[in-house]
Every structure is written in structure tokens, then in C-alpha cells.
Amino acid sequence: MDGGSPQDSGPLIQLLVDRVVEDPATDTRIVVLARKDGDLEHFMVWVGASEGEAIKRALDTSLTARPMSHDLIKSCGEHLGITTERVVLTDVKSSTYYATVFLENKGVTRTLDARPSDAIALALRCQAPIYVTQDVWQRRSGQQLDAWLSKLETKNIGAQEV
């Protein structure tokens, strides 16, 4: 869907999860999202360590011995005939992002409020597209995100070569 956002603030921007990196200053992970249209700018969301690992597992298609929470939600939806249509990063307040999960069942679409980390982890498992509103894209934190990310990855590369 490239139509209007849930709040009619213009066309949505489709994102792909590019990678998950560690923030060396904190015990958090950074989910790096890239525009599907090939624009070189990135969108980053800071998440907790366990949430970052859940997203990373979905990216790597790693299987666990027992289902994790997002796998359980996906399985419940499948058994009930519910499809995860898409997730949308819909708002940002005080540097906290908000997301909406769009679910479809028997022609009826319903929405659920979600943390972006949970919405992204679920979208990856269900092969559902991830979008951001134009407004949230414009208000993303900082102006030099790509330069900061490049600098962070250079530091991490040196640390990983031990």
C-alpha cells in the first residue's frame, strides 16, 4: 500500500530492515531501516537488547527450540485466519516512536497499537510491509543520522576484530 497514512498525512514511505547494530554507549540496539525506494537516507529506532535480538533473529530467520513471543503471535494469527497486512510507524513524541499493526480477518481490517520493536519483529515474521508516515519521517531524530551510523559502525568493526 502506498496510499494515505492512517492519519492522512500523505503517502506512506515503505521501509526495509537493513540491520540491527549495538549502541556501545548503552545496553540498547539500533534498528536501521532503509527506504525501499532506494533513497540513501536511513531511519533508526533505538530498542532494548532483547527486542533487538528478536528482530535480528527474524532477519536471520533463526529458529529457536521453542517459539518466542512474536512467533507465538504469528502462529495464533495463522490458526485464527488473521493476516498481518502491514505495520506503520505513526507518531513520535519525546523521542519515543509509536506504531500501528494492521490485521485483516474475513475482509475486516482492525488496528492494534504497538511498540515499534514488536511491530517490526512481527512484520518480519509475517512478511508484512513496514511503513512510516511522511510526518514521522520528517521528524526523525537528528539531521546527521547517516554520518553518525557510519562512525558507529567503524568503531564496532574495530571492536569485533578481537
N, C-alpha and C. Protein backbone atom coordinates (compact mmCIF):
# COMPACT_ATOMS: atom_id res chain seq x y z
N MET A 1 0.84 -1.19 0.00
CA MET A 1 0.00 0.00 0.00
C MET A 1 0.88 1.23 0.00
N ASP A 2 0.68 2.11 -0.94
CA ASP A 2 1.38 3.37 -0.98
C ASP A 2 0.40 4.52 -0.88
N GLY A 3 -0.78 4.25 -0.36
CA GLY A 3 -1.81 5.26 -0.22
C GLY A 3 -1.58 6.12 0.99
N GLY A 4 -2.62 6.75 1.43
CA GLY A 4 -2.54 7.64 2.58
C GLY A 4 -2.25 6.90 3.87
N SER A 5 -1.71 7.62 4.81
CA SER A 5 -1.38 7.04 6.10
C SER A 5 -2.65 6.94 6.94
N PRO A 6 -2.55 6.29 8.12
CA PRO A 6 -3.71 6.22 8.99
C PRO A 6 -4.22 7.60 9.40
N GLN A 7 -3.36 8.59 9.35
CA GLN A 7 -3.77 9.93 9.76
C GLN A 7 -3.86 10.87 8.56
N ASP A 8 -3.86 10.32 7.33
CA ASP A 8 -3.98 11.10 6.10
C ASP A 8 -2.96 12.23 6.02
N SER A 9 -1.71 11.95 6.35
CA SER A 9 -0.67 12.98 6.25
C SER A 9 0.19 12.77 5.01
N GLY A 10 -0.36 12.17 3.97
CA GLY A 10 0.36 11.97 2.73
C GLY A 10 0.72 10.52 2.53
N PRO A 11 1.37 10.22 1.41
CA PRO A 11 1.73 8.84 1.11
C PRO A 11 2.70 8.27 2.14
N LEU A 12 2.56 6.99 2.38
CA LEU A 12 3.47 6.32 3.30
C LEU A 12 4.77 6.00 2.59
N ILE A 13 5.84 5.90 3.36
CA ILE A 13 7.16 5.52 2.85
C ILE A 13 7.42 4.09 3.30
N GLN A 14 7.67 3.19 2.35
CA GLN A 14 7.94 1.81 2.72
C GLN A 14 9.40 1.66 3.13
N LEU A 15 9.60 0.92 4.22
CA LEU A 15 10.93 0.70 4.77
C LEU A 15 11.27 -0.78 4.77
N LEU A 16 12.56 -1.07 4.73
CA LEU A 16 13.08 -2.42 4.89
C LEU A 16 14.06 -2.41 6.05
N VAL A 17 14.07 -3.47 6.83
CA VAL A 17 15.04 -3.53 7.92
C VAL A 17 16.40 -3.86 7.30
N ASP A 18 17.32 -2.94 7.45
CA ASP A 18 18.66 -3.10 6.87
C ASP A 18 19.56 -3.93 7.79
N ARG A 19 19.54 -3.58 9.08
CA ARG A 19 20.39 -4.29 10.04
C ARG A 19 20.05 -3.84 11.46
N VAL A 20 20.60 -4.57 12.41
CA VAL A 20 20.48 -4.23 13.83
C VAL A 20 21.90 -4.13 14.36
N VAL A 21 22.23 -2.99 14.96
CA VAL A 21 23.58 -2.78 15.50
C VAL A 21 23.51 -2.45 16.98
N GLU A 22 24.59 -2.73 17.67
CA GLU A 22 24.68 -2.41 19.10
C GLU A 22 25.08 -0.96 19.27
N ASP A 23 24.48 -0.31 20.26
CA ASP A 23 24.90 1.03 20.65
C ASP A 23 25.91 0.84 21.77
N PRO A 24 27.18 1.12 21.53
CA PRO A 24 28.22 0.85 22.53
C PRO A 24 28.08 1.68 23.80
N ALA A 25 27.36 2.79 23.73
CA ALA A 25 27.22 3.67 24.90
C ALA A 25 26.15 3.19 25.87
N THR A 26 25.23 2.34 25.38
CA THR A 26 24.13 1.88 26.22
C THR A 26 23.89 0.40 25.96
N ASP A 27 23.01 -0.20 26.74
CA ASP A 27 22.65 -1.60 26.52
C ASP A 27 21.42 -1.66 25.63
N THR A 28 21.52 -1.02 24.46
CA THR A 28 20.41 -0.99 23.51
C THR A 28 20.89 -1.45 22.14
N ARG A 29 19.92 -1.65 21.27
CA ARG A 29 20.21 -1.97 19.87
C ARG A 29 19.57 -0.88 19.02
N ILE A 30 20.12 -0.69 17.84
CA ILE A 30 19.58 0.28 16.89
C ILE A 30 19.10 -0.48 15.67
N VAL A 31 17.81 -0.37 15.40
CA VAL A 31 17.24 -0.98 14.21
C VAL A 31 17.39 0.05 13.10
N VAL A 32 18.14 -0.31 12.07
CA VAL A 32 18.39 0.59 10.95
C VAL A 32 17.45 0.18 9.82
N LEU A 33 16.59 1.12 9.45
CA LEU A 33 15.61 0.89 8.39
C LEU A 33 16.01 1.72 7.17
N ALA A 34 15.93 1.11 6.00
CA ALA A 34 16.24 1.80 4.75
C ALA A 34 14.97 1.95 3.94
N ARG A 35 14.92 2.99 3.13
CA ARG A 35 13.77 3.20 2.26
C ARG A 35 13.78 2.15 1.16
N LYS A 36 12.63 1.57 0.88
CA LYS A 36 12.54 0.57 -0.17
C LYS A 36 12.76 1.19 -1.55
N ASP A 37 12.48 2.49 -1.69
CA ASP A 37 12.62 3.16 -2.99
C ASP A 37 14.07 3.44 -3.36
N GLY A 38 15.02 3.06 -2.50
CA GLY A 38 16.43 3.21 -2.83
C GLY A 38 17.07 4.51 -2.36
N ASP A 39 16.27 5.44 -1.83
CA ASP A 39 16.83 6.67 -1.26
C ASP A 39 17.85 6.26 -0.21
N LEU A 40 18.97 6.93 -0.14
CA LEU A 40 20.06 6.51 0.73
C LEU A 40 19.92 6.91 2.18
N GLU A 41 18.91 7.70 2.52
CA GLU A 41 18.72 8.09 3.91
C GLU A 41 18.17 6.91 4.72
N HIS A 42 18.50 6.90 6.01
CA HIS A 42 18.06 5.82 6.89
C HIS A 42 17.13 6.36 7.98
N PHE A 43 16.45 5.44 8.60
CA PHE A 43 15.57 5.72 9.73
C PHE A 43 16.00 4.77 10.83
N MET A 44 16.27 5.28 12.00
CA MET A 44 16.77 4.42 13.08
C MET A 44 15.85 4.49 14.28
N VAL A 45 15.67 3.32 14.90
CA VAL A 45 14.86 3.21 16.11
C VAL A 45 15.70 2.49 17.16
N TRP A 46 15.86 3.13 18.32
CA TRP A 46 16.57 2.51 19.43
C TRP A 46 15.61 1.60 20.17
N VAL A 47 16.03 0.37 20.43
CA VAL A 47 15.19 -0.61 21.12
C VAL A 47 16.04 -1.30 22.19
N GLY A 48 15.37 -2.00 23.09
CA GLY A 48 16.07 -2.75 24.12
C GLY A 48 16.86 -3.91 23.51
N ALA A 49 17.77 -4.46 24.31
CA ALA A 49 18.62 -5.55 23.83
C ALA A 49 17.80 -6.77 23.41
N SER A 50 16.83 -7.18 24.21
CA SER A 50 16.05 -8.37 23.87
C SER A 50 15.16 -8.12 22.65
N GLU A 51 14.61 -6.91 22.53
CA GLU A 51 13.79 -6.58 21.37
C GLU A 51 14.65 -6.57 20.11
N GLY A 52 15.85 -6.03 20.22
CA GLY A 52 16.78 -6.02 19.09
C GLY A 52 17.15 -7.43 18.66
N GLU A 53 17.35 -8.30 19.63
CA GLU A 53 17.68 -9.69 19.32
C GLU A 53 16.51 -10.40 18.64
N ALA A 54 15.28 -10.08 19.04
CA ALA A 54 14.10 -10.67 18.39
C ALA A 54 14.02 -10.25 16.93
N ILE A 55 14.34 -9.00 16.66
CA ILE A 55 14.34 -8.51 15.28
C ILE A 55 15.48 -9.15 14.50
N LYS A 56 16.63 -9.22 15.12
CA LYS A 56 17.80 -9.83 14.46
C LYS A 56 17.53 -11.30 14.12
N ARG A 57 16.89 -12.03 15.03
CA ARG A 57 16.54 -13.43 14.77
C ARG A 57 15.61 -13.56 13.57
N ALA A 58 14.66 -12.64 13.48
CA ALA A 58 13.73 -12.67 12.35
C ALA A 58 14.46 -12.35 11.04
N LEU A 59 15.40 -11.42 11.08
CA LEU A 59 16.19 -11.08 9.90
C LEU A 59 17.02 -12.27 9.44
N ASP A 60 17.63 -12.95 10.40
CA ASP A 60 18.49 -14.10 10.10
C ASP A 60 17.70 -15.37 9.88
N THR A 61 16.38 -15.29 10.06
CA THR A 61 15.47 -16.45 10.02
C THR A 61 15.99 -17.58 10.92
N SER A 62 16.51 -17.19 12.08
CA SER A 62 16.99 -18.16 13.07
C SER A 62 15.81 -18.84 13.75
N LEU A 63 15.93 -20.12 13.90
CA LEU A 63 14.90 -20.87 14.62
C LEU A 63 15.35 -21.09 16.05
N THR A 64 14.39 -21.06 16.96
CA THR A 64 14.68 -21.34 18.36
C THR A 64 14.02 -22.68 18.71
N ALA A 65 14.50 -23.29 19.78
CA ALA A 65 13.96 -24.58 20.19
C ALA A 65 12.46 -24.47 20.52
N ARG A 66 12.08 -23.36 21.09
CA ARG A 66 10.67 -23.12 21.45
C ARG A 66 10.26 -21.78 20.84
N PRO A 67 8.98 -21.59 20.58
CA PRO A 67 8.56 -20.32 19.97
C PRO A 67 8.77 -19.13 20.90
N MET A 68 9.26 -18.05 20.33
CA MET A 68 9.39 -16.80 21.07
C MET A 68 8.04 -16.07 20.97
N SER A 69 7.88 -14.99 21.71
CA SER A 69 6.59 -14.27 21.77
C SER A 69 6.05 -13.90 20.40
N HIS A 70 6.91 -13.36 19.53
CA HIS A 70 6.44 -12.93 18.21
C HIS A 70 6.06 -14.13 17.34
N ASP A 71 6.76 -15.24 17.53
CA ASP A 71 6.40 -16.47 16.80
C ASP A 71 5.04 -16.97 17.27
N LEU A 72 4.79 -16.88 18.57
CA LEU A 72 3.51 -17.30 19.14
C LEU A 72 2.37 -16.45 18.59
N ILE A 73 2.56 -15.14 18.53
CA ILE A 73 1.54 -14.24 18.00
C ILE A 73 1.26 -14.57 16.53
N LYS A 74 2.33 -14.79 15.76
CA LYS A 74 2.16 -15.15 14.35
C LYS A 74 1.36 -16.45 14.23
N SER A 75 1.72 -17.44 15.02
CA SER A 75 1.04 -18.74 14.98
C SER A 75 -0.43 -18.62 15.36
N CYS A 76 -0.73 -17.85 16.40
CA CYS A 76 -2.13 -17.63 16.80
C CYS A 76 -2.92 -17.00 15.66
N GLY A 77 -2.33 -15.99 15.05
CA GLY A 77 -3.00 -15.33 13.92
C GLY A 77 -3.27 -16.30 12.78
N GLU A 78 -2.29 -17.11 12.45
CA GLU A 78 -2.47 -18.08 11.37
C GLU A 78 -3.59 -19.05 11.68
N HIS A 79 -3.63 -19.56 12.91
CA HIS A 79 -4.67 -20.51 13.30
C HIS A 79 -6.07 -19.89 13.30
N LEU A 80 -6.14 -18.59 13.54
CA LEU A 80 -7.43 -17.90 13.57
C LEU A 80 -7.79 -17.24 12.24
N GLY A 81 -6.93 -17.42 11.23
CA GLY A 81 -7.20 -16.83 9.92
C GLY A 81 -6.97 -15.34 9.86
N ILE A 82 -6.10 -14.83 10.73
CA ILE A 82 -5.80 -13.40 10.77
C ILE A 82 -4.48 -13.15 10.04
N THR A 83 -4.50 -12.18 9.15
CA THR A 83 -3.31 -11.82 8.37
C THR A 83 -2.77 -10.48 8.87
N THR A 84 -1.47 -10.42 9.08
CA THR A 84 -0.83 -9.14 9.39
C THR A 84 -0.60 -8.46 8.05
N GLU A 85 -1.39 -7.42 7.76
CA GLU A 85 -1.32 -6.72 6.47
C GLU A 85 -0.09 -5.84 6.36
N ARG A 86 0.15 -5.05 7.41
CA ARG A 86 1.28 -4.10 7.40
C ARG A 86 1.45 -3.52 8.78
N VAL A 87 2.59 -2.89 9.00
CA VAL A 87 2.80 -2.09 10.20
C VAL A 87 3.23 -0.70 9.76
N VAL A 88 2.83 0.29 10.54
CA VAL A 88 3.13 1.68 10.21
C VAL A 88 3.66 2.38 11.45
N LEU A 89 4.82 3.03 11.30
CA LEU A 89 5.33 3.90 12.36
C LEU A 89 4.55 5.20 12.21
N THR A 90 3.69 5.47 13.19
CA THR A 90 2.67 6.50 13.04
C THR A 90 2.93 7.82 13.77
N ASP A 91 3.78 7.80 14.79
CA ASP A 91 3.95 9.02 15.58
C ASP A 91 5.28 8.97 16.32
N VAL A 92 5.73 10.13 16.76
CA VAL A 92 6.89 10.25 17.62
C VAL A 92 6.61 11.37 18.61
N LYS A 93 6.77 11.04 19.90
CA LYS A 93 6.56 12.01 20.97
C LYS A 93 7.71 11.87 21.96
N SER A 94 8.38 12.96 22.24
CA SER A 94 9.51 12.96 23.18
C SER A 94 10.50 11.84 22.86
N SER A 95 10.87 11.74 21.59
CA SER A 95 11.83 10.75 21.08
C SER A 95 11.36 9.31 21.21
N THR A 96 10.08 9.09 21.45
CA THR A 96 9.51 7.74 21.51
C THR A 96 8.61 7.55 20.30
N TYR A 97 8.90 6.49 19.54
CA TYR A 97 8.10 6.19 18.36
C TYR A 97 6.90 5.32 18.72
N TYR A 98 5.84 5.45 17.93
CA TYR A 98 4.61 4.68 18.09
C TYR A 98 4.33 3.97 16.77
N ALA A 99 3.72 2.79 16.87
CA ALA A 99 3.41 2.02 15.67
C ALA A 99 1.99 1.48 15.74
N THR A 100 1.47 1.16 14.57
CA THR A 100 0.16 0.52 14.45
C THR A 100 0.33 -0.73 13.60
N VAL A 101 -0.26 -1.83 14.07
CA VAL A 101 -0.28 -3.08 13.32
C VAL A 101 -1.67 -3.21 12.69
N PHE A 102 -1.71 -3.45 11.38
CA PHE A 102 -2.96 -3.62 10.66
C PHE A 102 -3.19 -5.11 10.44
N LEU A 103 -4.29 -5.62 11.00
CA LEU A 103 -4.65 -7.03 10.90
C LEU A 103 -5.91 -7.17 10.07
N GLU A 104 -5.99 -8.25 9.28
CA GLU A 104 -7.17 -8.48 8.45
C GLU A 104 -7.71 -9.88 8.73
N ASN A 105 -9.04 -9.95 8.84
CA ASN A 105 -9.72 -11.24 9.02
C ASN A 105 -11.08 -11.15 8.36
N LYS A 106 -11.32 -12.03 7.41
CA LYS A 106 -12.62 -12.11 6.71
C LYS A 106 -13.04 -10.76 6.15
N GLY A 107 -12.10 -10.04 5.57
CA GLY A 107 -12.41 -8.77 4.93
C GLY A 107 -12.49 -7.57 5.84
N VAL A 108 -12.29 -7.78 7.13
CA VAL A 108 -12.36 -6.68 8.10
C VAL A 108 -10.94 -6.38 8.59
N THR A 109 -10.55 -5.11 8.49
CA THR A 109 -9.24 -4.69 8.97
C THR A 109 -9.38 -4.04 10.33
N ARG A 110 -8.53 -4.44 11.23
CA ARG A 110 -8.51 -3.86 12.58
C ARG A 110 -7.08 -3.41 12.86
N THR A 111 -6.94 -2.46 13.78
CA THR A 111 -5.61 -1.95 14.11
C THR A 111 -5.31 -2.18 15.58
N LEU A 112 -4.02 -2.36 15.85
CA LEU A 112 -3.54 -2.51 17.21
C LEU A 112 -2.39 -1.53 17.44
N ASP A 113 -2.40 -0.87 18.57
CA ASP A 113 -1.28 -0.03 18.98
C ASP A 113 -0.13 -0.96 19.37
N ALA A 114 1.10 -0.61 19.01
CA ALA A 114 2.24 -1.47 19.32
C ALA A 114 3.51 -0.65 19.48
N ARG A 115 4.45 -1.22 20.21
CA ARG A 115 5.79 -0.65 20.22
C ARG A 115 6.40 -0.93 18.85
N PRO A 116 7.18 0.00 18.31
CA PRO A 116 7.79 -0.26 17.01
C PRO A 116 8.61 -1.55 16.97
N SER A 117 9.30 -1.86 18.05
CA SER A 117 10.12 -3.08 18.06
C SER A 117 9.25 -4.32 17.89
N ASP A 118 8.11 -4.38 18.57
CA ASP A 118 7.21 -5.52 18.43
C ASP A 118 6.58 -5.56 17.05
N ALA A 119 6.18 -4.40 16.55
CA ALA A 119 5.56 -4.33 15.23
C ALA A 119 6.54 -4.79 14.14
N ILE A 120 7.78 -4.35 14.24
CA ILE A 120 8.80 -4.73 13.25
C ILE A 120 9.11 -6.22 13.35
N ALA A 121 9.27 -6.74 14.56
CA ALA A 121 9.55 -8.17 14.73
C ALA A 121 8.42 -9.02 14.16
N LEU A 122 7.18 -8.60 14.38
CA LEU A 122 6.04 -9.34 13.85
C LEU A 122 5.98 -9.22 12.33
N ALA A 123 6.19 -8.02 11.80
CA ALA A 123 6.15 -7.82 10.35
C ALA A 123 7.18 -8.70 9.65
N LEU A 124 8.37 -8.79 10.19
CA LEU A 124 9.41 -9.62 9.57
C LEU A 124 8.99 -11.09 9.55
N ARG A 125 8.41 -11.57 10.63
CA ARG A 125 7.99 -12.97 10.70
C ARG A 125 6.83 -13.27 9.76
N CYS A 126 5.98 -12.27 9.53
CA CYS A 126 4.79 -12.47 8.69
C CYS A 126 5.01 -11.99 7.26
N GLN A 127 6.20 -11.55 6.94
CA GLN A 127 6.50 -10.96 5.62
C GLN A 127 5.53 -9.83 5.28
N ALA A 128 5.21 -9.03 6.27
CA ALA A 128 4.32 -7.87 6.08
C ALA A 128 5.17 -6.62 5.84
N PRO A 129 4.72 -5.72 5.00
CA PRO A 129 5.49 -4.50 4.76
C PRO A 129 5.49 -3.56 5.97
N ILE A 130 6.56 -2.78 6.06
CA ILE A 130 6.75 -1.81 7.14
C ILE A 130 6.75 -0.43 6.49
N TYR A 131 5.96 0.49 7.05
CA TYR A 131 5.86 1.84 6.53
C TYR A 131 6.10 2.86 7.63
N VAL A 132 6.37 4.08 7.21
CA VAL A 132 6.45 5.23 8.11
C VAL A 132 5.67 6.36 7.46
N THR A 133 4.99 7.16 8.27
CA THR A 133 4.27 8.31 7.71
C THR A 133 5.27 9.38 7.30
N GLN A 134 4.86 10.22 6.37
CA GLN A 134 5.71 11.34 5.94
C GLN A 134 6.08 12.22 7.13
N ASP A 135 5.11 12.47 8.00
CA ASP A 135 5.34 13.32 9.16
C ASP A 135 6.42 12.74 10.08
N VAL A 136 6.32 11.46 10.37
CA VAL A 136 7.32 10.83 11.25
C VAL A 136 8.68 10.78 10.56
N TRP A 137 8.70 10.52 9.26
CA TRP A 137 9.97 10.51 8.52
C TRP A 137 10.66 11.87 8.66
N GLN A 138 9.90 12.95 8.50
CA GLN A 138 10.46 14.29 8.58
C GLN A 138 10.93 14.63 10.00
N ARG A 139 10.30 14.06 11.01
CA ARG A 139 10.61 14.39 12.40
C ARG A 139 11.59 13.42 13.05
N ARG A 140 12.16 12.50 12.29
CA ARG A 140 13.08 11.52 12.89
C ARG A 140 14.22 12.26 13.57
N SER A 141 14.78 11.62 14.57
CA SER A 141 15.79 12.25 15.43
C SER A 141 17.04 12.65 14.66
N GLY A 142 17.45 13.87 14.86
CA GLY A 142 18.73 14.34 14.33
C GLY A 142 18.75 14.54 12.83
N GLN A 143 19.72 15.26 12.36
CA GLN A 143 19.86 15.52 10.93
C GLN A 143 21.03 14.74 10.32
N GLN A 144 21.95 14.28 11.14
CA GLN A 144 23.15 13.62 10.65
C GLN A 144 23.16 12.13 11.01
N LEU A 145 22.02 11.48 10.91
CA LEU A 145 21.92 10.08 11.31
C LEU A 145 22.85 9.18 10.52
N ASP A 146 22.93 9.38 9.23
CA ASP A 146 23.76 8.51 8.40
C ASP A 146 25.24 8.67 8.72
N ALA A 147 25.68 9.90 8.96
CA ALA A 147 27.08 10.12 9.34
C ALA A 147 27.36 9.49 10.70
N TRP A 148 26.43 9.63 11.63
CA TRP A 148 26.60 9.03 12.96
C TRP A 148 26.66 7.51 12.86
N LEU A 149 25.78 6.93 12.05
CA LEU A 149 25.75 5.48 11.89
C LEU A 149 27.05 4.97 11.28
N SER A 150 27.57 5.66 10.30
CA SER A 150 28.82 5.27 9.66
C SER A 150 29.96 5.29 10.68
N LYS A 151 29.99 6.31 11.51
CA LYS A 151 31.02 6.44 12.55
C LYS A 151 30.89 5.31 13.58
N LEU A 152 29.65 5.00 13.98
CA LEU A 152 29.40 3.94 14.94
C LEU A 152 29.85 2.60 14.39
N GLU A 153 29.53 2.31 13.14
CA GLU A 153 29.90 1.02 12.55
C GLU A 153 31.41 0.90 12.40
N THR A 154 32.10 2.00 12.13
CA THR A 154 33.56 1.97 12.05
C THR A 154 34.15 1.58 13.41
N LYS A 155 33.60 2.15 14.49
CA LYS A 155 34.06 1.79 15.84
C LYS A 155 33.76 0.34 16.14
N ASN A 156 32.56 -0.14 15.79
CA ASN A 156 32.17 -1.52 16.06
C ASN A 156 33.01 -2.52 15.28
N ILE A 157 33.40 -2.18 14.05
CA ILE A 157 34.22 -3.09 13.26
C ILE A 157 35.55 -3.34 13.96
N GLY A 158 36.16 -2.29 14.47
CA GLY A 158 37.42 -2.44 15.20
C GLY A 158 37.26 -3.27 16.45
N ALA A 159 36.13 -3.12 17.14
CA ALA A 159 35.89 -3.85 18.38
C ALA A 159 35.63 -5.32 18.11
N GLN A 160 35.06 -5.66 16.97
CA GLN A 160 34.73 -7.04 16.65
C GLN A 160 35.92 -7.85 16.16
N GLU A 161 36.99 -7.21 15.82
CA GLU A 161 38.13 -7.91 15.26
C GLU A 161 39.06 -8.49 16.32
N VAL A 162 38.60 -8.58 17.54
CA VAL A 162 39.42 -9.11 18.63
C VAL A 162 39.64 -10.59 18.47
